[in-house]
mmCIF file of all heavy atoms, coordinates in Angstrom:
data_MODEL
# 
_entry.id   MODEL 
# 
loop_
_atom_site.group_PDB 
_atom_site.id 
_atom_site.type_symbol 
_atom_site.label_atom_id 
_atom_site.label_alt_id 
_atom_site.label_comp_id 
_atom_site.label_asym_id 
_atom_site.label_entity_id 
_atom_site.label_seq_id 
_atom_site.pdbx_PDB_ins_code 
_atom_site.Cartn_x 
_atom_site.Cartn_y 
_atom_site.Cartn_z 
_atom_site.occupancy 
_atom_site.B_iso_or_equiv 
_atom_site.pdbx_formal_charge 
_atom_site.auth_seq_id 
_atom_site.auth_comp_id 
_atom_site.auth_asym_id 
_atom_site.auth_atom_id 
_atom_site.pdbx_PDB_model_num 
ATOM 1   N N   . TYR A 1 1  ? 103.356 96.111  92.269 1.00 0.00 ? 1  TYR A N   1 
ATOM 2   C CA  . TYR A 1 1  ? 103.226 94.916  91.414 1.00 0.00 ? 1  TYR A CA  1 
ATOM 3   C C   . TYR A 1 1  ? 101.745 94.492  91.373 1.00 0.00 ? 1  TYR A C   1 
ATOM 4   O O   . TYR A 1 1  ? 101.018 94.613  92.343 1.00 0.00 ? 1  TYR A O   1 
ATOM 5   C CB  . TYR A 1 1  ? 104.065 93.770  91.907 1.00 0.00 ? 1  TYR A CB  1 
ATOM 6   C CG  . TYR A 1 1  ? 105.500 93.832  91.513 1.00 0.00 ? 1  TYR A CG  1 
ATOM 7   C CD1 . TYR A 1 1  ? 106.433 94.596  92.269 1.00 0.00 ? 1  TYR A CD1 1 
ATOM 8   C CD2 . TYR A 1 1  ? 105.992 93.211  90.361 1.00 0.00 ? 1  TYR A CD2 1 
ATOM 9   C CE1 . TYR A 1 1  ? 107.753 94.670  91.903 1.00 0.00 ? 1  TYR A CE1 1 
ATOM 10  C CE2 . TYR A 1 1  ? 107.314 93.300  89.992 1.00 0.00 ? 1  TYR A CE2 1 
ATOM 11  C CZ  . TYR A 1 1  ? 108.184 94.022  90.756 1.00 0.00 ? 1  TYR A CZ  1 
ATOM 12  O OH  . TYR A 1 1  ? 109.518 94.119  90.381 1.00 0.00 ? 1  TYR A OH  1 
ATOM 13  N N   . ASN A 1 2  ? 101.379 93.935  90.231 1.00 0.00 ? 2  ASN A N   1 
ATOM 14  C CA  . ASN A 1 2  ? 100.061 93.324  90.056 1.00 0.00 ? 2  ASN A CA  1 
ATOM 15  C C   . ASN A 1 2  ? 100.299 91.828  89.847 1.00 0.00 ? 2  ASN A C   1 
ATOM 16  O O   . ASN A 1 2  ? 100.951 91.408  88.888 1.00 0.00 ? 2  ASN A O   1 
ATOM 17  C CB  . ASN A 1 2  ? 99.356  93.933  88.840 1.00 0.00 ? 2  ASN A CB  1 
ATOM 18  C CG  . ASN A 1 2  ? 97.994  93.317  88.584 1.00 0.00 ? 2  ASN A CG  1 
ATOM 19  O OD1 . ASN A 1 2  ? 97.337  92.842  89.519 1.00 0.00 ? 2  ASN A OD1 1 
ATOM 20  N ND2 . ASN A 1 2  ? 97.587  93.285  87.323 1.00 0.00 ? 2  ASN A ND2 1 
ATOM 21  N N   . SER A 1 3  ? 99.794  90.984  90.724 1.00 0.00 ? 3  SER A N   1 
ATOM 22  C CA  . SER A 1 3  ? 100.037 89.552  90.665 1.00 0.00 ? 3  SER A CA  1 
ATOM 23  C C   . SER A 1 3  ? 98.796  88.814  90.143 1.00 0.00 ? 3  SER A C   1 
ATOM 24  O O   . SER A 1 3  ? 97.672  89.143  90.533 1.00 0.00 ? 3  SER A O   1 
ATOM 25  C CB  . SER A 1 3  ? 100.407 89.004  92.037 1.00 0.00 ? 3  SER A CB  1 
ATOM 26  O OG  . SER A 1 3  ? 101.592 89.610  92.522 1.00 0.00 ? 3  SER A OG  1 
ATOM 27  N N   . PHE A 1 4  ? 99.029  87.855  89.234 1.00 0.00 ? 4  PHE A N   1 
ATOM 28  C CA  . PHE A 1 4  ? 97.929  87.058  88.715 1.00 0.00 ? 4  PHE A CA  1 
ATOM 29  C C   . PHE A 1 4  ? 98.492  85.728  88.224 1.00 0.00 ? 4  PHE A C   1 
ATOM 30  O O   . PHE A 1 4  ? 99.706  85.534  88.134 1.00 0.00 ? 4  PHE A O   1 
ATOM 31  C CB  . PHE A 1 4  ? 97.220  87.794  87.569 1.00 0.00 ? 4  PHE A CB  1 
ATOM 32  C CG  . PHE A 1 4  ? 98.129  88.219  86.434 1.00 0.00 ? 4  PHE A CG  1 
ATOM 33  C CD1 . PHE A 1 4  ? 98.334  87.395  85.330 1.00 0.00 ? 4  PHE A CD1 1 
ATOM 34  C CD2 . PHE A 1 4  ? 98.768  89.456  86.491 1.00 0.00 ? 4  PHE A CD2 1 
ATOM 35  C CE1 . PHE A 1 4  ? 99.176  87.807  84.295 1.00 0.00 ? 4  PHE A CE1 1 
ATOM 36  C CE2 . PHE A 1 4  ? 99.639  89.835  85.458 1.00 0.00 ? 4  PHE A CE2 1 
ATOM 37  C CZ  . PHE A 1 4  ? 99.834  89.006  84.369 1.00 0.00 ? 4  PHE A CZ  1 
ATOM 38  N N   . LYS A 1 5  ? 97.604  84.825  87.893 1.00 0.00 ? 5  LYS A N   1 
ATOM 39  C CA  . LYS A 1 5  ? 98.039  83.499  87.439 1.00 0.00 ? 5  LYS A CA  1 
ATOM 40  C C   . LYS A 1 5  ? 97.532  83.212  86.020 1.00 0.00 ? 5  LYS A C   1 
ATOM 41  O O   . LYS A 1 5  ? 96.444  83.639  85.664 1.00 0.00 ? 5  LYS A O   1 
ATOM 42  C CB  . LYS A 1 5  ? 97.516  82.420  88.387 1.00 0.00 ? 5  LYS A CB  1 
ATOM 43  C CG  . LYS A 1 5  ? 98.118  82.459  89.792 1.00 0.00 ? 5  LYS A CG  1 
ATOM 44  C CD  . LYS A 1 5  ? 97.570  81.359  90.686 1.00 0.00 ? 5  LYS A CD  1 
ATOM 45  C CE  . LYS A 1 5  ? 98.239  81.390  92.053 1.00 0.00 ? 5  LYS A CE  1 
ATOM 46  N NZ  . LYS A 1 5  ? 97.750  80.315  92.931 1.00 0.00 ? 5  LYS A NZ  1 
ATOM 47  N N   . ILE A 1 6  ? 98.359  82.517  85.253 1.00 0.00 ? 6  ILE A N   1 
ATOM 48  C CA  . ILE A 1 6  ? 97.978  82.092  83.933 1.00 0.00 ? 6  ILE A CA  1 
ATOM 49  C C   . ILE A 1 6  ? 98.075  80.597  83.865 1.00 0.00 ? 6  ILE A C   1 
ATOM 50  O O   . ILE A 1 6  ? 98.940  79.952  84.445 1.00 0.00 ? 6  ILE A O   1 
ATOM 51  C CB  . ILE A 1 6  ? 98.825  82.768  82.820 1.00 0.00 ? 6  ILE A CB  1 
ATOM 52  C CG1 . ILE A 1 6  ? 100.313 82.424  83.006 1.00 0.00 ? 6  ILE A CG1 1 
ATOM 53  C CG2 . ILE A 1 6  ? 98.600  84.255  82.809 1.00 0.00 ? 6  ILE A CG2 1 
ATOM 54  C CD1 . ILE A 1 6  ? 101.171 82.907  81.868 1.00 0.00 ? 6  ILE A CD1 1 
ATOM 55  N N   . ARG A 1 7  ? 97.173  80.008  83.063 1.00 0.00 ? 7  ARG A N   1 
ATOM 56  C CA  . ARG A 1 7  ? 97.131  78.529  82.969 1.00 0.00 ? 7  ARG A CA  1 
ATOM 57  C C   . ARG A 1 7  ? 98.262  78.028  82.101 1.00 0.00 ? 7  ARG A C   1 
ATOM 58  O O   . ARG A 1 7  ? 98.569  78.597  81.030 1.00 0.00 ? 7  ARG A O   1 
ATOM 59  C CB  . ARG A 1 7  ? 95.798  78.098  82.356 1.00 0.00 ? 7  ARG A CB  1 
ATOM 60  C CG  . ARG A 1 7  ? 95.592  76.577  82.355 1.00 0.00 ? 7  ARG A CG  1 
ATOM 61  C CD  . ARG A 1 7  ? 94.229  76.233  81.797 1.00 0.00 ? 7  ARG A CD  1 
ATOM 62  N NE  . ARG A 1 7  ? 93.148  76.717  82.628 1.00 0.00 ? 7  ARG A NE  1 
ATOM 63  C CZ  . ARG A 1 7  ? 92.701  76.075  83.680 1.00 0.00 ? 7  ARG A CZ  1 
ATOM 64  N NH1 . ARG A 1 7  ? 93.226  74.921  84.029 1.00 0.00 ? 7  ARG A NH1 1 
ATOM 65  N NH2 . ARG A 1 7  ? 91.704  76.585  84.388 1.00 0.00 ? 7  ARG A NH2 1 
ATOM 66  N N   . LYS A 1 8  ? 98.927  76.983  82.524 1.00 0.00 ? 8  LYS A N   1 
ATOM 67  C CA  . LYS A 1 8  ? 100.002 76.326  81.768 1.00 0.00 ? 8  LYS A CA  1 
ATOM 68  C C   . LYS A 1 8  ? 99.437  75.202  80.928 1.00 0.00 ? 8  LYS A C   1 
ATOM 69  O O   . LYS A 1 8  ? 98.315  74.742  81.161 1.00 0.00 ? 8  LYS A O   1 
ATOM 70  C CB  . LYS A 1 8  ? 101.052 75.791  82.722 1.00 0.00 ? 8  LYS A CB  1 
ATOM 71  C CG  . LYS A 1 8  ? 101.807 76.881  83.507 1.00 0.00 ? 8  LYS A CG  1 
ATOM 72  C CD  . LYS A 1 8  ? 103.059 76.371  84.166 1.00 0.00 ? 8  LYS A CD  1 
ATOM 73  C CE  . LYS A 1 8  ? 102.762 75.450  85.342 1.00 0.00 ? 8  LYS A CE  1 
ATOM 74  N NZ  . LYS A 1 8  ? 103.995 75.082  86.098 1.00 0.00 ? 8  LYS A NZ  1 
ATOM 75  N N   . LYS A 1 9  ? 100.236 74.723  79.972 1.00 0.00 ? 9  LYS A N   1 
ATOM 76  C CA  . LYS A 1 9  ? 99.744  73.655  79.060 1.00 0.00 ? 9  LYS A CA  1 
ATOM 77  C C   . LYS A 1 9  ? 99.439  72.387  79.823 1.00 0.00 ? 9  LYS A C   1 
ATOM 78  O O   . LYS A 1 9  ? 98.560  71.613  79.424 1.00 0.00 ? 9  LYS A O   1 
ATOM 79  C CB  . LYS A 1 9  ? 100.812 73.400  77.996 1.00 0.00 ? 9  LYS A CB  1 
ATOM 80  C CG  . LYS A 1 9  ? 100.988 74.536  76.982 1.00 0.00 ? 9  LYS A CG  1 
ATOM 81  C CD  . LYS A 1 9  ? 102.011 74.186  75.931 1.00 0.00 ? 9  LYS A CD  1 
ATOM 82  C CE  . LYS A 1 9  ? 102.174 75.323  74.931 1.00 0.00 ? 9  LYS A CE  1 
ATOM 83  N NZ  . LYS A 1 9  ? 103.203 74.986  73.909 1.00 0.00 ? 9  LYS A NZ  1 
ATOM 84  N N   . ASN A 1 10 ? 100.197 72.161  80.902 1.00 0.00 ? 10 ASN A N   1 
ATOM 85  C CA  . ASN A 1 10 ? 99.970  70.910  81.640 1.00 0.00 ? 10 ASN A CA  1 
ATOM 86  C C   . ASN A 1 10 ? 98.780  70.982  82.614 1.00 0.00 ? 10 ASN A C   1 
ATOM 87  O O   . ASN A 1 10 ? 98.536  70.060  83.358 1.00 0.00 ? 10 ASN A O   1 
ATOM 88  C CB  . ASN A 1 10 ? 101.237 70.533  82.424 1.00 0.00 ? 10 ASN A CB  1 
ATOM 89  C CG  . ASN A 1 10 ? 101.619 71.584  83.468 1.00 0.00 ? 10 ASN A CG  1 
ATOM 90  O OD1 . ASN A 1 10 ? 100.855 72.496  83.754 1.00 0.00 ? 10 ASN A OD1 1 
ATOM 91  N ND2 . ASN A 1 10 ? 102.814 71.467  84.046 1.00 0.00 ? 10 ASN A ND2 1 
ATOM 92  N N   . GLY A 1 11 ? 98.058  72.092  82.574 1.00 0.00 ? 11 GLY A N   1 
ATOM 93  C CA  . GLY A 1 11 ? 96.878  72.228  83.386 1.00 0.00 ? 11 GLY A CA  1 
ATOM 94  C C   . GLY A 1 11 ? 97.107  72.989  84.690 1.00 0.00 ? 11 GLY A C   1 
ATOM 95  O O   . GLY A 1 11 ? 96.145  73.408  85.361 1.00 0.00 ? 11 GLY A O   1 
ATOM 96  N N   . GLY A 1 12 ? 98.363  73.211  85.093 1.00 0.00 ? 12 GLY A N   1 
ATOM 97  C CA  . GLY A 1 12 ? 98.676  73.975  86.290 1.00 0.00 ? 12 GLY A CA  1 
ATOM 98  C C   . GLY A 1 12 ? 98.627  75.453  86.036 1.00 0.00 ? 12 GLY A C   1 
ATOM 99  O O   . GLY A 1 12 ? 98.157  75.906  84.954 1.00 0.00 ? 12 GLY A O   1 
ATOM 100 N N   . PHE A 1 13 ? 99.119  76.211  86.966 1.00 0.00 ? 13 PHE A N   1 
ATOM 101 C CA  . PHE A 1 13 ? 99.126  77.690  86.827 1.00 0.00 ? 13 PHE A CA  1 
ATOM 102 C C   . PHE A 1 13 ? 100.513 78.263  87.079 1.00 0.00 ? 13 PHE A C   1 
ATOM 103 O O   . PHE A 1 13 ? 101.277 77.687  87.876 1.00 0.00 ? 13 PHE A O   1 
ATOM 104 C CB  . PHE A 1 13 ? 98.136  78.336  87.835 1.00 0.00 ? 13 PHE A CB  1 
ATOM 105 C CG  . PHE A 1 13 ? 96.690  78.040  87.487 1.00 0.00 ? 13 PHE A CG  1 
ATOM 106 C CD1 . PHE A 1 13 ? 96.058  76.942  87.989 1.00 0.00 ? 13 PHE A CD1 1 
ATOM 107 C CD2 . PHE A 1 13 ? 95.989  78.909  86.640 1.00 0.00 ? 13 PHE A CD2 1 
ATOM 108 C CE1 . PHE A 1 13 ? 94.716  76.685  87.694 1.00 0.00 ? 13 PHE A CE1 1 
ATOM 109 C CE2 . PHE A 1 13 ? 94.656  78.663  86.362 1.00 0.00 ? 13 PHE A CE2 1 
ATOM 110 C CZ  . PHE A 1 13 ? 94.045  77.555  86.873 1.00 0.00 ? 13 PHE A CZ  1 
ATOM 111 N N   . ARG A 1 14 ? 100.831 79.317  86.368 1.00 0.00 ? 14 ARG A N   1 
ATOM 112 C CA  . ARG A 1 14 ? 102.071 80.049  86.570 1.00 0.00 ? 14 ARG A CA  1 
ATOM 113 C C   . ARG A 1 14 ? 101.764 81.418  87.103 1.00 0.00 ? 14 ARG A C   1 
ATOM 114 O O   . ARG A 1 14 ? 100.910 82.120  86.595 1.00 0.00 ? 14 ARG A O   1 
ATOM 115 C CB  . ARG A 1 14 ? 102.832 80.173  85.229 1.00 0.00 ? 14 ARG A CB  1 
ATOM 116 C CG  . ARG A 1 14 ? 104.112 80.992  85.341 1.00 0.00 ? 14 ARG A CG  1 
ATOM 117 C CD  . ARG A 1 14 ? 104.873 81.115  84.042 1.00 0.00 ? 14 ARG A CD  1 
ATOM 118 N NE  . ARG A 1 14 ? 105.487 79.830  83.702 1.00 0.00 ? 14 ARG A NE  1 
ATOM 119 C CZ  . ARG A 1 14 ? 105.114 79.036  82.715 1.00 0.00 ? 14 ARG A CZ  1 
ATOM 120 N NH1 . ARG A 1 14 ? 104.053 79.363  81.988 1.00 0.00 ? 14 ARG A NH1 1 
ATOM 121 N NH2 . ARG A 1 14 ? 105.714 77.903  82.478 1.00 0.00 ? 14 ARG A NH2 1 
ATOM 122 N N   . GLU A 1 15 ? 102.424 81.769  88.215 1.00 0.00 ? 15 GLU A N   1 
ATOM 123 C CA  . GLU A 1 15 ? 102.196 83.076  88.828 1.00 0.00 ? 15 GLU A CA  1 
ATOM 124 C C   . GLU A 1 15 ? 103.028 84.140  88.149 1.00 0.00 ? 15 GLU A C   1 
ATOM 125 O O   . GLU A 1 15 ? 104.230 83.975  88.017 1.00 0.00 ? 15 GLU A O   1 
ATOM 126 C CB  . GLU A 1 15 ? 102.468 83.051  90.317 1.00 0.00 ? 15 GLU A CB  1 
ATOM 127 C CG  . GLU A 1 15 ? 102.096 84.347  91.017 1.00 0.00 ? 15 GLU A CG  1 
ATOM 128 C CD  . GLU A 1 15 ? 102.163 84.291  92.526 1.00 0.00 ? 15 GLU A CD  1 
ATOM 129 O OE1 . GLU A 1 15 ? 102.281 83.170  93.036 1.00 0.00 ? 15 GLU A OE1 1 
ATOM 130 O OE2 . GLU A 1 15 ? 102.061 85.350  93.131 1.00 0.00 ? 15 GLU A OE2 1 
ATOM 131 N N   . ILE A 1 16 ? 102.372 85.202  87.765 1.00 0.00 ? 16 ILE A N   1 
ATOM 132 C CA  . ILE A 1 16 ? 103.051 86.329  87.126 1.00 0.00 ? 16 ILE A CA  1 
ATOM 133 C C   . ILE A 1 16 ? 102.980 87.546  88.046 1.00 0.00 ? 16 ILE A C   1 
ATOM 134 O O   . ILE A 1 16 ? 101.902 87.875  88.541 1.00 0.00 ? 16 ILE A O   1 
ATOM 135 C CB  . ILE A 1 16 ? 102.408 86.701  85.759 1.00 0.00 ? 16 ILE A CB  1 
ATOM 136 C CG1 . ILE A 1 16 ? 102.428 85.465  84.830 1.00 0.00 ? 16 ILE A CG1 1 
ATOM 137 C CG2 . ILE A 1 16 ? 103.113 87.892  85.143 1.00 0.00 ? 16 ILE A CG2 1 
ATOM 138 C CD1 . ILE A 1 16 ? 103.796 85.008  84.434 1.00 0.00 ? 16 ILE A CD1 1 
ATOM 139 N N   . ASN A 1 17 ? 104.109 88.170  88.292 1.00 0.00 ? 17 ASN A N   1 
ATOM 140 C CA  . ASN A 1 17 ? 104.165 89.389  89.079 1.00 0.00 ? 17 ASN A CA  1 
ATOM 141 C C   . ASN A 1 17 ? 104.611 90.526  88.151 1.00 0.00 ? 17 ASN A C   1 
ATOM 142 O O   . ASN A 1 17 ? 105.807 90.655  87.849 1.00 0.00 ? 17 ASN A O   1 
ATOM 143 C CB  . ASN A 1 17 ? 105.159 89.233  90.250 1.00 0.00 ? 17 ASN A CB  1 
ATOM 144 C CG  . ASN A 1 17 ? 104.684 88.159  91.221 1.00 0.00 ? 17 ASN A CG  1 
ATOM 145 O OD1 . ASN A 1 17 ? 103.645 88.230  91.800 1.00 0.00 ? 17 ASN A OD1 1 
ATOM 146 N ND2 . ASN A 1 17 ? 105.529 87.114  91.383 1.00 0.00 ? 17 ASN A ND2 1 
ATOM 147 N N   . ALA A 1 18 ? 103.656 91.280  87.676 1.00 0.00 ? 18 ALA A N   1 
ATOM 148 C CA  . ALA A 1 18 ? 103.915 92.329  86.673 1.00 0.00 ? 18 ALA A CA  1 
ATOM 149 C C   . ALA A 1 18 ? 104.007 93.694  87.369 1.00 0.00 ? 18 ALA A C   1 
ATOM 150 O O   . ALA A 1 18 ? 103.087 94.082  88.110 1.00 0.00 ? 18 ALA A O   1 
ATOM 151 C CB  . ALA A 1 18 ? 102.792 92.334  85.632 1.00 0.00 ? 18 ALA A CB  1 
ATOM 152 N N   . PRO A 1 19 ? 105.093 94.415  87.133 1.00 0.00 ? 19 PRO A N   1 
ATOM 153 C CA  . PRO A 1 19 ? 105.255 95.757  87.752 1.00 0.00 ? 19 PRO A CA  1 
ATOM 154 C C   . PRO A 1 19 ? 104.254 96.775  87.189 1.00 0.00 ? 19 PRO A C   1 
ATOM 155 O O   . PRO A 1 19 ? 103.873 96.681  85.997 1.00 0.00 ? 19 PRO A O   1 
ATOM 156 C CB  . PRO A 1 19 ? 106.679 96.146  87.423 1.00 0.00 ? 19 PRO A CB  1 
ATOM 157 C CG  . PRO A 1 19 ? 106.967 95.389  86.162 1.00 0.00 ? 19 PRO A CG  1 
ATOM 158 C CD  . PRO A 1 19 ? 106.240 94.066  86.268 1.00 0.00 ? 19 PRO A CD  1 
ATOM 159 N N   . LEU A 1 20 ? 103.819 97.704  88.036 1.00 0.00 ? 20 LEU A N   1 
ATOM 160 C CA  . LEU A 1 20 ? 103.003 98.810  87.546 1.00 0.00 ? 20 LEU A CA  1 
ATOM 161 C C   . LEU A 1 20 ? 103.860 99.734  86.697 1.00 0.00 ? 20 LEU A C   1 
ATOM 162 O O   . LEU A 1 20 ? 105.091 99.708  86.783 1.00 0.00 ? 20 LEU A O   1 
ATOM 163 C CB  . LEU A 1 20 ? 102.398 99.547  88.740 1.00 0.00 ? 20 LEU A CB  1 
ATOM 164 C CG  . LEU A 1 20 ? 101.519 98.704  89.672 1.00 0.00 ? 20 LEU A CG  1 
ATOM 165 C CD1 . LEU A 1 20 ? 100.908 99.616  90.769 1.00 0.00 ? 20 LEU A CD1 1 
ATOM 166 C CD2 . LEU A 1 20 ? 100.382 98.010  88.882 1.00 0.00 ? 20 LEU A CD2 1 
ATOM 167 N N   . GLU A 1 21 ? 103.237 100.590 85.923 1.00 0.00 ? 21 GLU A N   1 
ATOM 168 C CA  . GLU A 1 21 ? 103.937 101.348 84.903 1.00 0.00 ? 21 GLU A CA  1 
ATOM 169 C C   . GLU A 1 21 ? 105.045 102.206 85.471 1.00 0.00 ? 21 GLU A C   1 
ATOM 170 O O   . GLU A 1 21 ? 106.117 102.359 84.849 1.00 0.00 ? 21 GLU A O   1 
ATOM 171 C CB  . GLU A 1 21 ? 102.949 102.221 84.126 1.00 0.00 ? 21 GLU A CB  1 
ATOM 172 C CG  . GLU A 1 21 ? 103.468 102.734 82.804 1.00 0.00 ? 21 GLU A CG  1 
ATOM 173 C CD  . GLU A 1 21 ? 103.950 101.588 81.896 1.00 0.00 ? 21 GLU A CD  1 
ATOM 174 O OE1 . GLU A 1 21 ? 103.219 100.602 81.750 1.00 0.00 ? 21 GLU A OE1 1 
ATOM 175 O OE2 . GLU A 1 21 ? 105.060 101.752 81.337 1.00 0.00 ? 21 GLU A OE2 1 
ATOM 176 N N   . GLU A 1 22 ? 104.872 102.828 86.648 1.00 0.00 ? 22 GLU A N   1 
ATOM 177 C CA  . GLU A 1 22 ? 105.900 103.728 87.173 1.00 0.00 ? 22 GLU A CA  1 
ATOM 178 C C   . GLU A 1 22 ? 107.180 102.962 87.523 1.00 0.00 ? 22 GLU A C   1 
ATOM 179 O O   . GLU A 1 22 ? 108.282 103.506 87.438 1.00 0.00 ? 22 GLU A O   1 
ATOM 180 C CB  . GLU A 1 22 ? 105.382 104.483 88.373 1.00 0.00 ? 22 GLU A CB  1 
ATOM 181 C CG  . GLU A 1 22 ? 104.798 103.622 89.515 1.00 0.00 ? 22 GLU A CG  1 
ATOM 182 C CD  . GLU A 1 22 ? 104.094 104.497 90.526 1.00 0.00 ? 22 GLU A CD  1 
ATOM 183 O OE1 . GLU A 1 22 ? 104.659 105.524 90.974 1.00 0.00 ? 22 GLU A OE1 1 
ATOM 184 O OE2 . GLU A 1 22 ? 102.956 104.138 90.931 1.00 0.00 ? 22 GLU A OE2 1 
ATOM 185 N N   . LEU A 1 23 ? 107.067 101.710 87.890 1.00 0.00 ? 23 LEU A N   1 
ATOM 186 C CA  . LEU A 1 23 ? 108.256 100.886 88.141 1.00 0.00 ? 23 LEU A CA  1 
ATOM 187 C C   . LEU A 1 23 ? 108.729 100.209 86.858 1.00 0.00 ? 23 LEU A C   1 
ATOM 188 O O   . LEU A 1 23 ? 109.930 100.101 86.635 1.00 0.00 ? 23 LEU A O   1 
ATOM 189 C CB  . LEU A 1 23 ? 107.933 99.823  89.189 1.00 0.00 ? 23 LEU A CB  1 
ATOM 190 C CG  . LEU A 1 23 ? 109.049 98.824  89.495 1.00 0.00 ? 23 LEU A CG  1 
ATOM 191 C CD1 . LEU A 1 23 ? 110.307 99.512  89.993 1.00 0.00 ? 23 LEU A CD1 1 
ATOM 192 C CD2 . LEU A 1 23 ? 108.594 97.795  90.506 1.00 0.00 ? 23 LEU A CD2 1 
ATOM 193 N N   . LYS A 1 24 ? 107.770 99.791  86.023 1.00 0.00 ? 24 LYS A N   1 
ATOM 194 C CA  . LYS A 1 24 ? 108.157 99.108  84.774 1.00 0.00 ? 24 LYS A CA  1 
ATOM 195 C C   . LYS A 1 24 ? 109.008 100.026 83.904 1.00 0.00 ? 24 LYS A C   1 
ATOM 196 O O   . LYS A 1 24 ? 109.950 99.538  83.250 1.00 0.00 ? 24 LYS A O   1 
ATOM 197 C CB  . LYS A 1 24 ? 106.890 98.699  84.014 1.00 0.00 ? 24 LYS A CB  1 
ATOM 198 C CG  . LYS A 1 24 ? 107.181 97.874  82.772 1.00 0.00 ? 24 LYS A CG  1 
ATOM 199 C CD  . LYS A 1 24 ? 105.930 97.613  81.931 1.00 0.00 ? 24 LYS A CD  1 
ATOM 200 C CE  . LYS A 1 24 ? 104.976 96.695  82.630 1.00 0.00 ? 24 LYS A CE  1 
ATOM 201 N NZ  . LYS A 1 24 ? 103.801 96.361  81.757 1.00 0.00 ? 24 LYS A NZ  1 
ATOM 202 N N   . GLY A 1 25 ? 108.741 101.310 83.889 1.00 0.00 ? 25 GLY A N   1 
ATOM 203 C CA  . GLY A 1 25 ? 109.511 102.236 83.080 1.00 0.00 ? 25 GLY A CA  1 
ATOM 204 C C   . GLY A 1 25 ? 110.971 102.272 83.526 1.00 0.00 ? 25 GLY A C   1 
ATOM 205 O O   . GLY A 1 25 ? 111.909 102.312 82.727 1.00 0.00 ? 25 GLY A O   1 
ATOM 206 N N   . ILE A 1 26 ? 111.202 102.227 84.839 1.00 0.00 ? 26 ILE A N   1 
ATOM 207 C CA  . ILE A 1 26 ? 112.563 102.229 85.380 1.00 0.00 ? 26 ILE A CA  1 
ATOM 208 C C   . ILE A 1 26 ? 113.249 100.899 85.016 1.00 0.00 ? 26 ILE A C   1 
ATOM 209 O O   . ILE A 1 26 ? 114.418 100.869 84.582 1.00 0.00 ? 26 ILE A O   1 
ATOM 210 C CB  . ILE A 1 26 ? 112.509 102.421 86.891 1.00 0.00 ? 26 ILE A CB  1 
ATOM 211 C CG1 . ILE A 1 26 ? 111.940 103.780 87.243 1.00 0.00 ? 26 ILE A CG1 1 
ATOM 212 C CG2 . ILE A 1 26 ? 113.944 102.253 87.496 1.00 0.00 ? 26 ILE A CG2 1 
ATOM 213 C CD1 . ILE A 1 26 ? 111.755 104.020 88.748 1.00 0.00 ? 26 ILE A CD1 1 
ATOM 214 N N   . GLN A 1 27 ? 112.528 99.780  85.140 1.00 0.00 ? 27 GLN A N   1 
ATOM 215 C CA  . GLN A 1 27 ? 113.102 98.489  84.811 1.00 0.00 ? 27 GLN A CA  1 
ATOM 216 C C   . GLN A 1 27 ? 113.440 98.393  83.332 1.00 0.00 ? 27 GLN A C   1 
ATOM 217 O O   . GLN A 1 27 ? 114.477 97.829  82.945 1.00 0.00 ? 27 GLN A O   1 
ATOM 218 C CB  . GLN A 1 27 ? 112.110 97.377  85.202 1.00 0.00 ? 27 GLN A CB  1 
ATOM 219 C CG  . GLN A 1 27 ? 111.932 97.235  86.689 1.00 0.00 ? 27 GLN A CG  1 
ATOM 220 C CD  . GLN A 1 27 ? 110.862 96.189  87.062 1.00 0.00 ? 27 GLN A CD  1 
ATOM 221 O OE1 . GLN A 1 27 ? 110.023 95.846  86.215 1.00 0.00 ? 27 GLN A OE1 1 
ATOM 222 N NE2 . GLN A 1 27 ? 110.877 95.721  88.300 1.00 0.00 ? 27 GLN A NE2 1 
# 
């Protein structure tokens, strides 16, 4: 997984855990 944060409208952050391609393909 590749983890990162994106800014929300209210000014906070949402954490995203995105799978790498070899796992994403299975999902």
